[in-house]
C-alpha atoms as a PDB file:
ATOM      1  CA  UNK A   1      81.260  95.165  95.475  1.00  0.00           C
ATOM      2  CA  UNK A   2      83.570  95.397  92.472  1.00  0.00           C
ATOM      3  CA  UNK A   3      83.196  99.168  92.268  1.00  0.00           C
ATOM      4  CA  UNK A   4      85.138  99.559  95.514  1.00  0.00           C
ATOM      5  CA  UNK A   5      88.302  98.083  93.990  1.00  0.00           C
ATOM      6  CA  UNK A   6      88.166  99.869  90.659  1.00  0.00           C
ATOM      7  CA  UNK A   7      90.064 103.022  91.693  1.00  0.00           C
ATOM      8  CA  UNK A   8      92.799 101.100  93.526  1.00  0.00           C
ATOM      9  CA  UNK A   9      93.231  98.856  90.502  1.00  0.00           C
ATOM     10  CA  UNK A  10      93.780 101.829  88.225  1.00  0.00           C
ATOM     11  CA  UNK A  11      96.419 103.221  90.557  1.00  0.00           C
ATOM     12  CA  UNK A  12      98.255  99.899  90.875  1.00  0.00           C
ATOM     13  CA  UNK A  13      98.235  99.300  87.105  1.00  0.00           C
ATOM     14  CA  UNK A  14      99.501 102.831  86.467  1.00  0.00           C
ATOM     15  CA  UNK A  15     102.364 102.409  88.940  1.00  0.00           C
ATOM     16  CA  UNK A  16     103.273  98.953  87.564  1.00  0.00           C
ATOM     17  CA  UNK A  17     103.225 100.230  83.978  1.00  0.00           C
ATOM     18  CA  UNK A  18     105.462 103.146  84.953  1.00  0.00           C
ATOM     19  CA  UNK A  19     107.954 100.836  86.652  1.00  0.00           C
ATOM     20  CA  UNK A  20     108.079  98.592  83.593  1.00  0.00           C
ATOM     21  CA  UNK A  21     108.578 101.600  81.286  1.00  0.00           C
ATOM     22  CA  UNK A  22     111.473 102.824  83.468  1.00  0.00           C
ATOM     23  CA  UNK A  23     113.007  99.337  83.489  1.00  0.00           C
ATOM     24  CA  UNK A  24     112.922  99.054  79.679  1.00  0.00           C
ATOM     25  CA  UNK A  25     114.258 102.594  79.256  1.00  0.00           C
ATOM     26  CA  UNK A  26     117.253 101.853  81.515  1.00  0.00           C
ATOM     27  CA  UNK A  27     117.913  98.461  79.884  1.00  0.00           C
ATOM     28  CA  UNK A  28     118.449 100.207  76.526  1.00  0.00           C
ATOM     29  CA  UNK A  29     121.696 101.665  77.907  1.00  0.00           C
ATOM     30  CA  UNK A  30     123.000  98.345  79.234  1.00  0.00           C
ATOM     31  CA  UNK A  31     126.375  97.422  77.635  1.00  0.00           C
ATOM     32  CA  UNK A  32     126.438  94.536  75.168  1.00  0.00           C
ATOM     33  CA  UNK A  33     127.972  91.236  76.189  1.00  0.00           C
ATOM     34  CA  UNK A  34     130.967  89.804  74.406  1.00  0.00           C
ATOM     35  CA  UNK A  35     130.308  86.852  72.129  1.00  0.00           C
ATOM     36  CA  UNK A  36     131.112  83.541  73.769  1.00  0.00           C
ATOM     37  CA  UNK A  37     133.224  80.812  72.199  1.00  0.00           C
ATOM     38  CA  UNK A  38     130.744  77.928  72.119  1.00  0.00           C
ATOM     39  CA  UNK A  39     133.317  75.557  70.621  1.00  0.00           C
ATOM     40  CA  UNK A  40     134.734  75.135  74.127  1.00  0.00           C
ATOM     41  CA  UNK A  41     131.442  73.575  75.213  1.00  0.00           C
ATOM     42  CA  UNK A  42     130.392  71.990  71.905  1.00  0.00           C
ATOM     43  CA  UNK A  43     133.527  70.955  69.963  1.00  0.00           C
ATOM     44  CA  UNK A  44     131.421  69.756  67.018  1.00  0.00           C
ATOM     45  CA  UNK A  45     130.745  73.426  66.176  1.00  0.00           C
ATOM     46  CA  UNK A  46     134.433  74.091  65.433  1.00  0.00           C
ATOM     47  CA  UNK A  47     134.180  74.349  61.630  1.00  0.00           C
ATOM     48  CA  UNK A  48     130.792  76.075  61.422  1.00  0.00           C
ATOM     49  CA  UNK A  49     131.715  79.725  62.092  1.00  0.00           C
ATOM     50  CA  UNK A  50     130.346  81.967  59.350  1.00  0.00           C
ATOM     51  CA  UNK A  51     132.283  85.080  58.345  1.00  0.00           C
ATOM     52  CA  UNK A  52     130.187  88.255  58.780  1.00  0.00           C
ATOM     53  CA  UNK A  53     131.638  89.790  55.631  1.00  0.00           C
ATOM     54  CA  UNK A  54     130.468  86.860  53.464  1.00  0.00           C
ATOM     55  CA  UNK A  55     127.331  87.094  51.358  1.00  0.00           C
ATOM     56  CA  UNK A  56     124.151  86.094  53.117  1.00  0.00           C
ATOM     57  CA  UNK A  57     123.296  83.710  50.258  1.00  0.00           C
ATOM     58  CA  UNK A  58     126.342  81.522  50.882  1.00  0.00           C
ATOM     59  CA  UNK A  59     125.937  78.542  53.186  1.00  0.00           C
ATOM     60  CA  UNK A  60     128.603  77.642  55.761  1.00  0.00           C
ATOM     61  CA  UNK A  61     131.163  74.993  54.834  1.00  0.00           C
ATOM     62  CA  UNK A  62     129.990  71.779  56.475  1.00  0.00           C
ATOM     63  CA  UNK A  63     132.347  69.422  54.667  1.00  0.00           C
ATOM     64  CA  UNK A  64     134.445  69.139  57.809  1.00  0.00           C
ATOM     65  CA  UNK A  65     131.540  67.751  59.833  1.00  0.00           C
ATOM     66  CA  UNK A  66     129.878  65.505  57.225  1.00  0.00           C
ATOM     67  CA  UNK A  67     131.956  62.336  57.774  1.00  0.00           C
ATOM     68  CA  UNK A  68     131.516  62.575  61.527  1.00  0.00           C
ATOM     69  CA  UNK A  69     127.775  63.152  61.238  1.00  0.00           C
ATOM     70  CA  UNK A  70     127.334  60.305  58.740  1.00  0.00           C
ATOM     71  CA  UNK A  71     129.236  57.854  60.940  1.00  0.00           C
ATOM     72  CA  UNK A  72     127.175  58.849  63.975  1.00  0.00           C
ATOM     73  CA  UNK A  73     123.936  58.409  62.033  1.00  0.00           C
ATOM     74  CA  UNK A  74     125.015  54.968  60.813  1.00  0.00           C
ATOM     75  CA  UNK A  75     125.768  53.934  64.400  1.00  0.00           C
ATOM     76  CA  UNK A  76     122.343  55.129  65.568  1.00  0.00           C
ATOM     77  CA  UNK A  77     120.567  53.345  62.718  1.00  0.00           C
ATOM     78  CA  UNK A  78     122.448  50.146  63.533  1.00  0.00           C
ATOM     79  CA  UNK A  79     121.408  50.477  67.180  1.00  0.00           C
ATOM     80  CA  UNK A  80     117.745  50.830  66.206  1.00  0.00           C
ATOM     81  CA  UNK A  81     117.921  48.021  63.643  1.00  0.00           C
ATOM     82  CA  UNK A  82     115.766  49.927  61.158  1.00  0.00           C
ATOM     83  CA  UNK A  83     115.081  48.074  57.945  1.00  0.00           C
ATOM     84  CA  UNK A  84     113.882  49.545  54.670  1.00  0.00           C
ATOM     85  CA  UNK A  85     110.733  47.409  54.746  1.00  0.00           C
ATOM     86  CA  UNK A  86     109.729  49.015  58.032  1.00  0.00           C
ATOM     87  CA  UNK A  87     109.920  52.498  56.517  1.00  0.00           C
ATOM     88  CA  UNK A  88     107.787  51.769  53.455  1.00  0.00           C
ATOM     89  CA  UNK A  89     104.121  52.797  53.504  1.00  0.00           C
ATOM     90  CA  UNK A  90     101.695  49.929  53.394  1.00  0.00           C
END
């Protein structure tokens, strides 16, 4: 019974593969989107923009965000009431 569907399956797969190849070929000519300013949505990213001309070995300057991050972590730890004894392996 499976032999009856074999030829139709080849035709359908060939057509589908051709459509996908055409789609990918046309998408190569699609114009690039402009880069969005994510600091409008996430203000905590304001000081983290890395200059493209900088060396790839340099890390971004996070000194602006460190006090804010540390204070938020302290608040979360206080909420959870985590003690050092709880974190030690027994």
